[in-house]
């Protein structure tokens, strides 16, 4: 595989010590040159 972008085991947390939300849980993927990728999810779910 000739990866253009590779994401490995990404996690993202929001909040503070008293109230933590795990928005992304161990996401991995690869994108090859010329492929198109879309990210979908509810408003406020951490897509950006």
Foldseek 3Di string as FASTA:
>chain_A
DAFPDWDFQDWDWDDDPVDIDTLDGGDIDTDHPPDDDDDDDDPPSPPD
